[in-house]
Amino acid sequence: MSERELRRDLAVLPISAVRELTGLSDRQIRYYDQQGLIEPQRGAGKQRRYSLADIDRLLKIADYMDAGYTVAE
């Protein structure tokens, strides 16, 4: 694994940044977490911390949802 790939998995972004980058609401992001579609790490105080890989996955999920798929699919 290259150093660049490792950085993509480094969870440093708070949900507010993820919301702005993806256009998803906090509720949507938390729902996808609860459904096991993403697995953000936890920082100090149990706050969710997201990586660039998590953001990529959320954008793919949003694309699937916009195309008419359900979470179960």
PDB file of N, CA and C in Angstrom:
ATOM      1  N   MET A   1       0.843  -1.173   0.000  1.00  0.00           N
ATOM      2  CA  MET A   1       0.000   0.000   0.000  1.00  0.00           C
ATOM      3  C   MET A   1       0.893   1.243   0.000  1.00  0.00           C
ATOM      4  N   SER A   2       0.600   2.177  -0.870  1.00  0.00           N
ATOM      5  CA  SER A   2       1.426   3.369  -0.954  1.00  0.00           C
ATOM      6  C   SER A   2       1.077   4.347   0.162  1.00  0.00           C
ATOM      7  N   GLU A   3       1.972   5.295   0.377  1.00  0.00           N
ATOM      8  CA  GLU A   3       1.748   6.302   1.416  1.00  0.00           C
ATOM      9  C   GLU A   3       0.491   7.127   1.117  1.00  0.00           C
ATOM     10  N   ARG A   4       0.243   7.399  -0.160  1.00  0.00           N
ATOM     11  CA  ARG A   4      -0.939   8.180  -0.552  1.00  0.00           C
ATOM     12  C   ARG A   4      -2.224   7.436  -0.189  1.00  0.00           C
ATOM     13  N   GLU A   5      -2.256   6.137  -0.388  1.00  0.00           N
ATOM     14  CA  GLU A   5      -3.443   5.358  -0.019  1.00  0.00           C
ATOM     15  C   GLU A   5      -3.667   5.395   1.489  1.00  0.00           C
ATOM     16  N   LEU A   6      -2.600   5.350   2.242  1.00  0.00           N
ATOM     17  CA  LEU A   6      -2.748   5.405   3.692  1.00  0.00           C
ATOM     18  C   LEU A   6      -3.362   6.721   4.124  1.00  0.00           C
ATOM     19  N   ARG A   7      -2.996   7.795   3.489  1.00  0.00           N
ATOM     20  CA  ARG A   7      -3.557   9.101   3.837  1.00  0.00           C
ATOM     21  C   ARG A   7      -5.048   9.172   3.521  1.00  0.00           C
ATOM     22  N   ARG A   8      -5.502   8.492   2.481  1.00  0.00           N
ATOM     23  CA  ARG A   8      -6.924   8.495   2.133  1.00  0.00           C
ATOM     24  C   ARG A   8      -7.744   7.818   3.230  1.00  0.00           C
ATOM     25  N   ASP A   9      -7.124   6.944   3.986  1.00  0.00           N
ATOM     26  CA  ASP A   9      -7.816   6.235   5.058  1.00  0.00           C
ATOM     27  C   ASP A   9      -7.664   6.915   6.419  1.00  0.00           C
ATOM     28  N   LEU A  10      -6.940   8.022   6.458  1.00  0.00           N
ATOM     29  CA  LEU A  10      -6.725   8.742   7.706  1.00  0.00           C
ATOM     30  C   LEU A  10      -7.986   9.530   8.051  1.00  0.00           C
ATOM     31  N   ALA A  11      -8.623   9.171   9.138  1.00  0.00           N
ATOM     32  CA  ALA A  11      -9.900   9.788   9.529  1.00  0.00           C
ATOM     33  C   ALA A  11      -9.647  11.051  10.336  1.00  0.00           C
ATOM     34  N   VAL A  12      -9.820  12.192   9.700  1.00  0.00           N
ATOM     35  CA  VAL A  12      -9.555  13.462  10.366  1.00  0.00           C
ATOM     36  C   VAL A  12     -10.676  14.486  10.195  1.00  0.00           C
ATOM     37  N   LEU A  13     -11.653  14.195   9.346  1.00  0.00           N
ATOM     38  CA  LEU A  13     -12.675  15.184   9.030  1.00  0.00           C
ATOM     39  C   LEU A  13     -13.908  15.037   9.908  1.00  0.00           C
ATOM     40  N   PRO A  14     -14.386  16.141  10.484  1.00  0.00           N
ATOM     41  CA  PRO A  14     -15.616  16.083  11.272  1.00  0.00           C
ATOM     42  C   PRO A  14     -16.829  16.033  10.345  1.00  0.00           C
ATOM     43  N   ILE A  15     -17.977  15.700  10.908  1.00  0.00           N
ATOM     44  CA  ILE A  15     -19.187  15.556  10.115  1.00  0.00           C
ATOM     45  C   ILE A  15     -19.557  16.857   9.402  1.00  0.00           C
ATOM     46  N   SER A  16     -19.231  18.007   9.988  1.00  0.00           N
ATOM     47  CA  SER A  16     -19.561  19.289   9.344  1.00  0.00           C
ATOM     48  C   SER A  16     -18.835  19.433   8.008  1.00  0.00           C
ATOM     49  N   ALA A  17     -17.590  18.994   7.940  1.00  0.00           N
ATOM     50  CA  ALA A  17     -16.829  19.054   6.684  1.00  0.00           C
ATOM     51  C   ALA A  17     -17.383  18.048   5.676  1.00  0.00           C
ATOM     52  N   VAL A  18     -17.751  16.867   6.152  1.00  0.00           N
ATOM     53  CA  VAL A  18     -18.307  15.838   5.277  1.00  0.00           C
ATOM     54  C   VAL A  18     -19.629  16.316   4.694  1.00  0.00           C
ATOM     55  N   ARG A  19     -20.436  16.965   5.505  1.00  0.00           N
ATOM     56  CA  ARG A  19     -21.712  17.512   5.051  1.00  0.00           C
ATOM     57  C   ARG A  19     -21.488  18.501   3.901  1.00  0.00           C
ATOM     58  N   GLU A  20     -20.526  19.393   4.051  1.00  0.00           N
ATOM     59  CA  GLU A  20     -20.245  20.380   3.011  1.00  0.00           C
ATOM     60  C   GLU A  20     -19.677  19.742   1.751  1.00  0.00           C
ATOM     61  N   LEU A  21     -18.826  18.741   1.914  1.00  0.00           N
ATOM     62  CA  LEU A  21     -18.187  18.104   0.755  1.00  0.00           C
ATOM     63  C   LEU A  21     -19.131  17.198  -0.028  1.00  0.00           C
ATOM     64  N   THR A  22     -20.095  16.594   0.655  1.00  0.00           N
ATOM     65  CA  THR A  22     -20.970  15.626  -0.010  1.00  0.00           C
ATOM     66  C   THR A  22     -22.354  16.165  -0.348  1.00  0.00           C
ATOM     67  N   GLY A  23     -22.786  17.215   0.353  1.00  0.00           N
ATOM     68  CA  GLY A  23     -24.137  17.721   0.165  1.00  0.00           C
ATOM     69  C   GLY A  23     -25.186  16.898   0.896  1.00  0.00           C
ATOM     70  N   LEU A  24     -24.744  15.940   1.690  1.00  0.00           N
ATOM     71  CA  LEU A  24     -25.657  15.108   2.489  1.00  0.00           C
ATOM     72  C   LEU A  24     -25.909  15.785   3.831  1.00  0.00           C
ATOM     73  N   SER A  25     -27.040  15.491   4.435  1.00  0.00           N
ATOM     74  CA  SER A  25     -27.339  16.032   5.756  1.00  0.00           C
ATOM     75  C   SER A  25     -26.649  15.183   6.827  1.00  0.00           C
ATOM     76  N   ASP A  26     -26.532  15.754   8.011  1.00  0.00           N
ATOM     77  CA  ASP A  26     -25.976  14.996   9.136  1.00  0.00           C
ATOM     78  C   ASP A  26     -26.787  13.726   9.360  1.00  0.00           C
ATOM     79  N   ARG A  27     -28.095  13.852   9.253  1.00  0.00           N
ATOM     80  CA  ARG A  27     -28.983  12.704   9.475  1.00  0.00           C
ATOM     81  C   ARG A  27     -28.709  11.589   8.460  1.00  0.00           C
ATOM     82  N   GLN A  28     -28.544  11.954   7.188  1.00  0.00           N
ATOM     83  CA  GLN A  28     -28.246  10.954   6.161  1.00  0.00           C
ATOM     84  C   GLN A  28     -26.915  10.262   6.446  1.00  0.00           C
ATOM     85  N   ILE A  29     -25.919  11.038   6.778  1.00  0.00           N
ATOM     86  CA  ILE A  29     -24.583  10.482   7.047  1.00  0.00           C
ATOM     87  C   ILE A  29     -24.641   9.515   8.228  1.00  0.00           C
ATOM     88  N   ARG A  30     -25.308   9.911   9.288  1.00  0.00           N
ATOM     89  CA  ARG A  30     -25.435   9.033  10.469  1.00  0.00           C
ATOM     90  C   ARG A  30     -26.238   7.777  10.136  1.00  0.00           C
ATOM     91  N   TYR A  31     -27.259   7.920   9.312  1.00  0.00           N
ATOM     92  CA  TYR A  31     -28.068   6.767   8.912  1.00  0.00           C
ATOM     93  C   TYR A  31     -27.216   5.754   8.149  1.00  0.00           C
ATOM     94  N   TYR A  32     -26.408   6.214   7.214  1.00  0.00           N
ATOM     95  CA  TYR A  32     -25.549   5.303   6.461  1.00  0.00           C
ATOM     96  C   TYR A  32     -24.528   4.632   7.382  1.00  0.00           C
ATOM     97  N   ASP A  33     -24.103   5.338   8.406  1.00  0.00           N
ATOM     98  CA  ASP A  33     -23.226   4.749   9.422  1.00  0.00           C
ATOM     99  C   ASP A  33     -23.986   3.660  10.185  1.00  0.00           C
ATOM    100  N   GLN A  34     -25.196   3.948  10.622  1.00  0.00           N
ATOM    101  CA  GLN A  34     -25.996   2.974  11.370  1.00  0.00           C
ATOM    102  C   GLN A  34     -26.302   1.731  10.537  1.00  0.00           C
ATOM    103  N   GLN A  35     -26.432   1.902   9.241  1.00  0.00           N
ATOM    104  CA  GLN A  35     -26.719   0.781   8.347  1.00  0.00           C
ATOM    105  C   GLN A  35     -25.457  -0.007   7.992  1.00  0.00           C
ATOM    106  N   GLY A  36     -24.303   0.444   8.455  1.00  0.00           N
ATOM    107  CA  GLY A  36     -23.053  -0.263   8.206  1.00  0.00           C
ATOM    108  C   GLY A  36     -22.459  -0.012   6.830  1.00  0.00           C
ATOM    109  N   LEU A  37     -22.928   1.030   6.145  1.00  0.00           N
ATOM    110  CA  LEU A  37     -22.410   1.328   4.812  1.00  0.00           C
ATOM    111  C   LEU A  37     -21.085   2.079   4.871  1.00  0.00           C
ATOM    112  N   ILE A  38     -20.864   2.780   5.958  1.00  0.00           N
ATOM    113  CA  ILE A  38     -19.574   3.418   6.230  1.00  0.00           C
ATOM    114  C   ILE A  38     -19.233   3.137   7.683  1.00  0.00           C
ATOM    115  N   GLU A  39     -17.970   3.236   8.023  1.00  0.00           N
ATOM    116  CA  GLU A  39     -17.537   2.984   9.394  1.00  0.00           C
ATOM    117  C   GLU A  39     -16.534   4.047   9.817  1.00  0.00           C
ATOM    118  N   PRO A  40     -17.038   5.248  10.166  1.00  0.00           N
ATOM    119  CA  PRO A  40     -16.111   6.295  10.587  1.00  0.00           C
ATOM    120  C   PRO A  40     -15.426   5.925  11.898  1.00  0.00           C
ATOM    121  N   GLN A  41     -14.227   6.423  12.056  1.00  0.00           N
ATOM    122  CA  GLN A  41     -13.522   6.209  13.313  1.00  0.00           C
ATOM    123  C   GLN A  41     -14.043   7.210  14.331  1.00  0.00           C
ATOM    124  N   ARG A  42     -13.698   6.996  15.579  1.00  0.00           N
ATOM    125  CA  ARG A  42     -14.129   7.901  16.643  1.00  0.00           C
ATOM    126  C   ARG A  42     -12.930   8.637  17.201  1.00  0.00           C
ATOM    127  N   GLY A  43     -13.094   9.939  17.382  1.00  0.00           N
ATOM    128  CA  GLY A  43     -12.047  10.761  17.963  1.00  0.00           C
ATOM    129  C   GLY A  43     -12.314  10.996  19.430  1.00  0.00           C
ATOM    130  N   ALA A  44     -11.665  12.017  19.962  1.00  0.00           N
ATOM    131  CA  ALA A  44     -11.861  12.384  21.356  1.00  0.00           C
ATOM    132  C   ALA A  44     -13.322  12.743  21.580  1.00  0.00           C
ATOM    133  N   GLY A  45     -13.877  12.288  22.666  1.00  0.00           N
ATOM    134  CA  GLY A  45     -15.271  12.562  22.961  1.00  0.00           C
ATOM    135  C   GLY A  45     -16.234  11.755  22.118  1.00  0.00           C
ATOM    136  N   LYS A  46     -15.746  10.692  21.487  1.00  0.00           N
ATOM    137  CA  LYS A  46     -16.563   9.782  20.673  1.00  0.00           C
ATOM    138  C   LYS A  46     -17.132  10.433  19.402  1.00  0.00           C
ATOM    139  N   GLN A  47     -16.553  11.561  18.990  1.00  0.00           N
ATOM    140  CA  GLN A  47     -17.014  12.209  17.760  1.00  0.00           C
ATOM    141  C   GLN A  47     -16.570  11.409  16.547  1.00  0.00           C
ATOM    142  N   ARG A  48     -17.454  11.309  15.569  1.00  0.00           N
ATOM    143  CA  ARG A  48     -17.113  10.613  14.330  1.00  0.00           C
ATOM    144  C   ARG A  48     -16.056  11.407  13.575  1.00  0.00           C
ATOM    145  N   ARG A  49     -15.096  10.694  13.020  1.00  0.00           N
ATOM    146  CA  ARG A  49     -14.057  11.291  12.176  1.00  0.00           C
ATOM    147  C   ARG A  49     -14.032  10.511  10.877  1.00  0.00           C
ATOM    148  N   TYR A  50     -14.095  11.224   9.770  1.00  0.00           N
ATOM    149  CA  TYR A  50     -14.210  10.614   8.455  1.00  0.00           C
ATOM    150  C   TYR A  50     -12.934  10.786   7.653  1.00  0.00           C
ATOM    151  N   SER A  51     -12.679   9.818   6.799  1.00  0.00           N
ATOM    152  CA  SER A  51     -11.522   9.860   5.904  1.00  0.00           C
ATOM    153  C   SER A  51     -11.979  10.244   4.501  1.00  0.00           C
ATOM    154  N   LEU A  52     -11.028  10.499   3.616  1.00  0.00           N
ATOM    155  CA  LEU A  52     -11.356  10.757   2.215  1.00  0.00           C
ATOM    156  C   LEU A  52     -12.011   9.540   1.583  1.00  0.00           C
ATOM    157  N   ALA A  53     -11.609   8.357   2.000  1.00  0.00           N
ATOM    158  CA  ALA A  53     -12.228   7.125   1.499  1.00  0.00           C
ATOM    159  C   ALA A  53     -13.701   7.057   1.917  1.00  0.00           C
ATOM    160  N   ASP A  54     -14.009   7.502   3.142  1.00  0.00           N
ATOM    161  CA  ASP A  54     -15.402   7.546   3.597  1.00  0.00           C
ATOM    162  C   ASP A  54     -16.211   8.511   2.726  1.00  0.00           C
ATOM    163  N   ILE A  55     -15.628   9.641   2.398  1.00  0.00           N
ATOM    164  CA  ILE A  55     -16.317  10.625   1.561  1.00  0.00           C
ATOM    165  C   ILE A  55     -16.585  10.045   0.176  1.00  0.00           C
ATOM    166  N   ASP A  56     -15.590   9.380  -0.404  1.00  0.00           N
ATOM    167  CA  ASP A  56     -15.792   8.732  -1.706  1.00  0.00           C
ATOM    168  C   ASP A  56     -16.957   7.747  -1.639  1.00  0.00           C
ATOM    169  N   ARG A  57     -16.997   6.964  -0.582  1.00  0.00           N
ATOM    170  CA  ARG A  57     -18.060   5.966  -0.432  1.00  0.00           C
ATOM    171  C   ARG A  57     -19.429   6.648  -0.266  1.00  0.00           C
ATOM    172  N   LEU A  58     -19.491   7.713   0.511  1.00  0.00           N
ATOM    173  CA  LEU A  58     -20.747   8.441   0.685  1.00  0.00           C
ATOM    174  C   LEU A  58     -21.237   9.019  -0.637  1.00  0.00           C
ATOM    175  N   LEU A  59     -20.330   9.521  -1.452  1.00  0.00           N
ATOM    176  CA  LEU A  59     -20.718  10.063  -2.760  1.00  0.00           C
ATOM    177  C   LEU A  59     -21.268   8.957  -3.664  1.00  0.00           C
ATOM    178  N   LYS A  60     -20.670   7.775  -3.598  1.00  0.00           N
ATOM    179  CA  LYS A  60     -21.184   6.636  -4.377  1.00  0.00           C
ATOM    180  C   LYS A  60     -22.569   6.232  -3.886  1.00  0.00           C
ATOM    181  N   ILE A  61     -22.751   6.191  -2.567  1.00  0.00           N
ATOM    182  CA  ILE A  61     -24.053   5.859  -1.991  1.00  0.00           C
ATOM    183  C   ILE A  61     -25.091   6.869  -2.464  1.00  0.00           C
ATOM    184  N   ALA A  62     -24.758   8.159  -2.422  1.00  0.00           N
ATOM    185  CA  ALA A  62     -25.686   9.206  -2.859  1.00  0.00           C
ATOM    186  C   ALA A  62     -26.051   9.020  -4.334  1.00  0.00           C
ATOM    187  N   ASP A  63     -25.068   8.660  -5.161  1.00  0.00           N
ATOM    188  CA  ASP A  63     -25.337   8.419  -6.583  1.00  0.00           C
ATOM    189  C   ASP A  63     -26.314   7.259  -6.764  1.00  0.00           C
ATOM    190  N   TYR A  64     -26.111   6.180  -6.018  1.00  0.00           N
ATOM    191  CA  TYR A  64     -27.015   5.036  -6.089  1.00  0.00           C
ATOM    192  C   TYR A  64     -28.431   5.426  -5.634  1.00  0.00           C
ATOM    193  N   MET A  65     -28.523   6.176  -4.574  1.00  0.00           N
ATOM    194  CA  MET A  65     -29.832   6.602  -4.059  1.00  0.00           C
ATOM    195  C   MET A  65     -30.533   7.490  -5.087  1.00  0.00           C
ATOM    196  N   ASP A  66     -29.785   8.392  -5.712  1.00  0.00           N
ATOM    197  CA  ASP A  66     -30.359   9.265  -6.748  1.00  0.00           C
ATOM    198  C   ASP A  66     -30.827   8.467  -7.957  1.00  0.00           C
ATOM    199  N   ALA A  67     -30.184   7.322  -8.210  1.00  0.00           N
ATOM    200  CA  ALA A  67     -30.550   6.466  -9.337  1.00  0.00           C
ATOM    201  C   ALA A  67     -31.758   5.579  -9.015  1.00  0.00           C
ATOM    202  N   GLY A  68     -32.258   5.663  -7.778  1.00  0.00           N
ATOM    203  CA  GLY A  68     -33.458   4.909  -7.436  1.00  0.00           C
ATOM    204  C   GLY A  68     -33.233   3.645  -6.635  1.00  0.00           C
ATOM    205  N   TYR A  69     -31.989   3.357  -6.279  1.00  0.00           N
ATOM    206  CA  TYR A  69     -31.718   2.174  -5.452  1.00  0.00           C
ATOM    207  C   TYR A  69     -32.105   2.453  -4.001  1.00  0.00           C
ATOM    208  N   THR A  70     -32.336   1.386  -3.254  1.00  0.00           N
ATOM    209  CA  THR A  70     -32.611   1.510  -1.824  1.00  0.00           C
ATOM    210  C   THR A  70     -31.349   1.165  -1.042  1.00  0.00           C
ATOM    211  N   VAL A  71     -31.356   1.468   0.239  1.00  0.00           N
ATOM    212  CA  VAL A  71     -30.204   1.147   1.086  1.00  0.00           C
ATOM    213  C   VAL A  71     -29.967  -0.361   1.096  1.00  0.00           C
ATOM    214  N   ALA A  72     -31.035  -1.133   1.123  1.00  0.00           N
ATOM    215  CA  ALA A  72     -30.908  -2.590   1.156  1.00  0.00           C
ATOM    216  C   ALA A  72     -30.237  -3.133  -0.111  1.00  0.00           C
ATOM    217  N   GLU A  73     -30.472  -2.474  -1.228  1.00  0.00           N
ATOM    218  CA  GLU A  73     -29.884  -2.931  -2.497  1.00  0.00           C
ATOM    219  C   GLU A  73     -28.429  -2.583  -2.551  1.00  0.00           C
TER     220      GLU A  73
END
